[in-house]
Amino acid sequence: METLLLLAGLILTLTEIFKRTFGIKSRYIPILSMIIMALLMLGGWAYLGFPKIELDIILRNLSAVLTAMGIWSGVKATIGK
């Protein structure tokens, strides 16, 4: 659970950095989040020596992206931007 929240926070932070740095529009944030998740997953997979990827790992990473997008949406609705 802690890993999922850490990954969601990392994805949220990285998407915000990319958004502010490169001026990416908000409607592309979900796509950017998925790309960041895929790159993080690929990097971790390479770091571990290319082990067999199981479905639960992919689902956990997908849920981290969805959690990050939910946090993004909730904060955006609360702030009113």
N, C-alpha and C. Protein backbone atom coordinates (compact mmCIF):
# COMPACT_ATOMS: atom_id res chain seq x y z
N MET A 1 0.82 -1.20 0.00
CA MET A 1 0.00 0.00 0.00
C MET A 1 0.86 1.26 0.00
N GLU A 2 1.93 1.23 0.82
CA GLU A 2 2.79 2.41 0.89
C GLU A 2 3.48 2.65 -0.44
N THR A 3 3.85 1.57 -1.11
CA THR A 3 4.51 1.69 -2.41
C THR A 3 3.58 2.32 -3.44
N LEU A 4 2.31 1.93 -3.39
CA LEU A 4 1.32 2.48 -4.31
C LEU A 4 1.17 3.98 -4.11
N LEU A 5 1.08 4.41 -2.86
CA LEU A 5 0.95 5.84 -2.59
C LEU A 5 2.21 6.61 -2.96
N LEU A 6 3.35 6.01 -2.73
CA LEU A 6 4.61 6.64 -3.12
C LEU A 6 4.69 6.79 -4.64
N LEU A 7 4.30 5.74 -5.35
CA LEU A 7 4.31 5.78 -6.81
C LEU A 7 3.30 6.80 -7.34
N ALA A 8 2.13 6.87 -6.72
CA ALA A 8 1.13 7.86 -7.14
C ALA A 8 1.65 9.28 -6.92
N GLY A 9 2.30 9.50 -5.79
CA GLY A 9 2.88 10.82 -5.52
C GLY A 9 3.98 11.17 -6.50
N LEU A 10 4.79 10.19 -6.85
CA LEU A 10 5.87 10.41 -7.81
C LEU A 10 5.31 10.75 -9.19
N ILE A 11 4.30 10.01 -9.61
CA ILE A 11 3.67 10.28 -10.91
C ILE A 11 3.03 11.66 -10.91
N LEU A 12 2.35 12.00 -9.83
CA LEU A 12 1.71 13.32 -9.72
C LEU A 12 2.74 14.44 -9.79
N THR A 13 3.85 14.26 -9.09
CA THR A 13 4.91 15.26 -9.09
C THR A 13 5.54 15.40 -10.48
N LEU A 14 5.85 14.29 -11.10
CA LEU A 14 6.48 14.33 -12.41
C LEU A 14 5.56 14.94 -13.47
N THR A 15 4.27 14.62 -13.42
CA THR A 15 3.35 15.22 -14.39
C THR A 15 3.26 16.73 -14.19
N GLU A 16 3.27 17.17 -12.95
CA GLU A 16 3.22 18.61 -12.69
C GLU A 16 4.49 19.30 -13.19
N ILE A 17 5.63 18.66 -12.98
CA ILE A 17 6.89 19.23 -13.47
C ILE A 17 6.87 19.34 -14.99
N PHE A 18 6.43 18.26 -15.68
CA PHE A 18 6.35 18.30 -17.13
C PHE A 18 5.35 19.34 -17.60
N LYS A 19 4.23 19.45 -16.90
CA LYS A 19 3.21 20.41 -17.29
C LYS A 19 3.74 21.84 -17.21
N ARG A 20 4.40 22.16 -16.11
CA ARG A 20 4.90 23.52 -15.94
C ARG A 20 6.12 23.81 -16.83
N THR A 21 6.97 22.82 -17.01
CA THR A 21 8.18 23.02 -17.80
C THR A 21 7.89 23.15 -19.29
N PHE A 22 7.05 22.25 -19.79
CA PHE A 22 6.81 22.20 -21.23
C PHE A 22 5.47 22.77 -21.66
N GLY A 23 4.67 23.27 -20.71
CA GLY A 23 3.39 23.89 -21.04
C GLY A 23 2.36 22.90 -21.59
N ILE A 24 2.36 21.69 -21.08
CA ILE A 24 1.42 20.68 -21.54
C ILE A 24 0.02 21.02 -21.03
N LYS A 25 -0.97 20.91 -21.90
CA LYS A 25 -2.35 21.21 -21.54
C LYS A 25 -2.90 20.14 -20.60
N SER A 26 -3.85 20.54 -19.76
CA SER A 26 -4.42 19.64 -18.75
C SER A 26 -5.11 18.42 -19.36
N ARG A 27 -5.63 18.55 -20.54
CA ARG A 27 -6.34 17.41 -21.13
C ARG A 27 -5.39 16.29 -21.51
N TYR A 28 -4.09 16.56 -21.60
CA TYR A 28 -3.11 15.53 -21.94
C TYR A 28 -2.45 14.91 -20.71
N ILE A 29 -2.82 15.35 -19.52
CA ILE A 29 -2.23 14.84 -18.29
C ILE A 29 -2.44 13.33 -18.12
N PRO A 30 -3.64 12.78 -18.38
CA PRO A 30 -3.78 11.32 -18.24
C PRO A 30 -2.85 10.54 -19.16
N ILE A 31 -2.66 11.00 -20.38
CA ILE A 31 -1.76 10.32 -21.31
C ILE A 31 -0.32 10.44 -20.81
N LEU A 32 0.05 11.62 -20.34
CA LEU A 32 1.38 11.83 -19.79
C LEU A 32 1.61 10.94 -18.58
N SER A 33 0.60 10.80 -17.73
CA SER A 33 0.71 9.94 -16.55
C SER A 33 0.95 8.49 -16.94
N MET A 34 0.25 8.03 -17.96
CA MET A 34 0.44 6.66 -18.43
C MET A 34 1.85 6.46 -19.00
N ILE A 35 2.35 7.45 -19.72
CA ILE A 35 3.69 7.35 -20.29
C ILE A 35 4.73 7.32 -19.18
N ILE A 36 4.56 8.18 -18.17
CA ILE A 36 5.49 8.20 -17.04
C ILE A 36 5.46 6.87 -16.30
N MET A 37 4.25 6.32 -16.09
CA MET A 37 4.14 5.02 -15.43
C MET A 37 4.85 3.94 -16.23
N ALA A 38 4.67 3.95 -17.54
CA ALA A 38 5.32 2.94 -18.38
C ALA A 38 6.84 3.06 -18.31
N LEU A 39 7.34 4.30 -18.32
CA LEU A 39 8.79 4.50 -18.25
C LEU A 39 9.35 4.08 -16.89
N LEU A 40 8.63 4.40 -15.82
CA LEU A 40 9.07 3.98 -14.49
C LEU A 40 9.05 2.46 -14.37
N MET A 41 8.02 1.85 -14.91
CA MET A 41 7.91 0.39 -14.87
C MET A 41 9.03 -0.26 -15.69
N LEU A 42 9.30 0.29 -16.86
CA LEU A 42 10.37 -0.23 -17.71
C LEU A 42 11.73 -0.07 -17.04
N GLY A 43 11.94 1.08 -16.40
CA GLY A 43 13.20 1.31 -15.69
C GLY A 43 13.38 0.35 -14.53
N GLY A 44 12.32 0.13 -13.76
CA GLY A 44 12.39 -0.82 -12.65
C GLY A 44 12.60 -2.24 -13.13
N TRP A 45 11.96 -2.58 -14.23
CA TRP A 45 12.10 -3.91 -14.82
C TRP A 45 13.54 -4.14 -15.28
N ALA A 46 14.13 -3.13 -15.91
CA ALA A 46 15.52 -3.24 -16.36
C ALA A 46 16.47 -3.31 -15.17
N TYR A 47 16.19 -2.52 -14.13
CA TYR A 47 17.04 -2.50 -12.94
C TYR A 47 17.07 -3.85 -12.25
N LEU A 48 15.92 -4.54 -12.26
CA LEU A 48 15.83 -5.85 -11.59
C LEU A 48 16.34 -6.99 -12.47
N GLY A 49 16.82 -6.69 -13.65
CA GLY A 49 17.39 -7.72 -14.49
C GLY A 49 16.40 -8.42 -15.40
N PHE A 50 15.35 -7.72 -15.78
CA PHE A 50 14.33 -8.21 -16.70
C PHE A 50 13.65 -9.50 -16.23
N PRO A 51 13.07 -9.47 -15.02
CA PRO A 51 12.34 -10.66 -14.55
C PRO A 51 11.00 -10.80 -15.27
N LYS A 52 10.35 -11.91 -15.04
CA LYS A 52 9.02 -12.13 -15.62
C LYS A 52 8.04 -11.15 -14.98
N ILE A 53 7.29 -10.43 -15.81
CA ILE A 53 6.32 -9.46 -15.30
C ILE A 53 4.99 -10.17 -15.08
N GLU A 54 4.44 -9.99 -13.90
CA GLU A 54 3.16 -10.60 -13.57
C GLU A 54 2.06 -9.57 -13.71
N LEU A 55 0.85 -10.06 -13.90
CA LEU A 55 -0.30 -9.19 -14.11
C LEU A 55 -0.55 -8.28 -12.91
N ASP A 56 -0.33 -8.76 -11.69
CA ASP A 56 -0.60 -7.93 -10.52
C ASP A 56 0.32 -6.71 -10.46
N ILE A 57 1.53 -6.82 -10.98
CA ILE A 57 2.45 -5.68 -11.01
C ILE A 57 1.92 -4.61 -11.96
N ILE A 58 1.44 -5.04 -13.10
CA ILE A 58 0.88 -4.10 -14.07
C ILE A 58 -0.37 -3.43 -13.50
N LEU A 59 -1.22 -4.21 -12.84
CA LEU A 59 -2.43 -3.65 -12.24
C LEU A 59 -2.12 -2.68 -11.11
N ARG A 60 -1.11 -2.98 -10.32
CA ARG A 60 -0.71 -2.05 -9.25
C ARG A 60 -0.23 -0.73 -9.83
N ASN A 61 0.57 -0.80 -10.87
CA ASN A 61 1.05 0.43 -11.50
C ASN A 61 -0.09 1.21 -12.14
N LEU A 62 -1.01 0.51 -12.76
CA LEU A 62 -2.17 1.17 -13.34
C LEU A 62 -3.01 1.84 -12.26
N SER A 63 -3.17 1.16 -11.12
CA SER A 63 -3.94 1.78 -10.03
C SER A 63 -3.21 2.98 -9.45
N ALA A 64 -1.87 2.97 -9.49
CA ALA A 64 -1.11 4.15 -9.04
C ALA A 64 -1.37 5.33 -9.95
N VAL A 65 -1.43 5.09 -11.25
CA VAL A 65 -1.72 6.17 -12.20
C VAL A 65 -3.13 6.69 -11.98
N LEU A 66 -4.08 5.79 -11.81
CA LEU A 66 -5.46 6.22 -11.60
C LEU A 66 -5.60 6.98 -10.29
N THR A 67 -4.86 6.56 -9.26
CA THR A 67 -4.86 7.27 -7.98
C THR A 67 -4.29 8.68 -8.16
N ALA A 68 -3.20 8.79 -8.89
CA ALA A 68 -2.59 10.10 -9.14
C ALA A 68 -3.54 11.01 -9.89
N MET A 69 -4.23 10.46 -10.90
CA MET A 69 -5.18 11.28 -11.65
C MET A 69 -6.38 11.67 -10.79
N GLY A 70 -6.80 10.79 -9.89
CA GLY A 70 -7.90 11.12 -8.98
C GLY A 70 -7.52 12.22 -8.01
N ILE A 71 -6.29 12.14 -7.49
CA ILE A 71 -5.79 13.20 -6.61
C ILE A 71 -5.73 14.51 -7.37
N TRP A 72 -5.22 14.46 -8.59
CA TRP A 72 -5.11 15.65 -9.44
C TRP A 72 -6.49 16.28 -9.63
N SER A 73 -7.46 15.45 -9.98
CA SER A 73 -8.82 15.93 -10.25
C SER A 73 -9.46 16.50 -8.99
N GLY A 74 -9.26 15.82 -7.86
CA GLY A 74 -9.84 16.28 -6.61
C GLY A 74 -9.28 17.61 -6.15
N VAL A 75 -7.98 17.76 -6.24
CA VAL A 75 -7.35 19.02 -5.83
C VAL A 75 -7.77 20.13 -6.78
N LYS A 76 -7.83 19.83 -8.06
CA LYS A 76 -8.23 20.83 -9.04
C LYS A 76 -9.67 21.30 -8.79
N ALA A 77 -10.56 20.37 -8.45
CA ALA A 77 -11.95 20.72 -8.18
C ALA A 77 -12.07 21.50 -6.86
N THR A 78 -11.26 21.15 -5.89
CA THR A 78 -11.30 21.85 -4.59
C THR A 78 -10.78 23.27 -4.71
N ILE A 79 -9.69 23.43 -5.42
CA ILE A 79 -9.09 24.77 -5.59
C ILE A 79 -9.97 25.61 -6.50
N GLY A 80 -10.58 24.99 -7.49
CA GLY A 80 -11.46 25.71 -8.39
C GLY A 80 -10.78 26.29 -9.61
N LYS A 81 -9.67 25.70 -10.01
CA LYS A 81 -8.96 26.19 -11.21
C LYS A 81 -9.49 25.51 -12.41
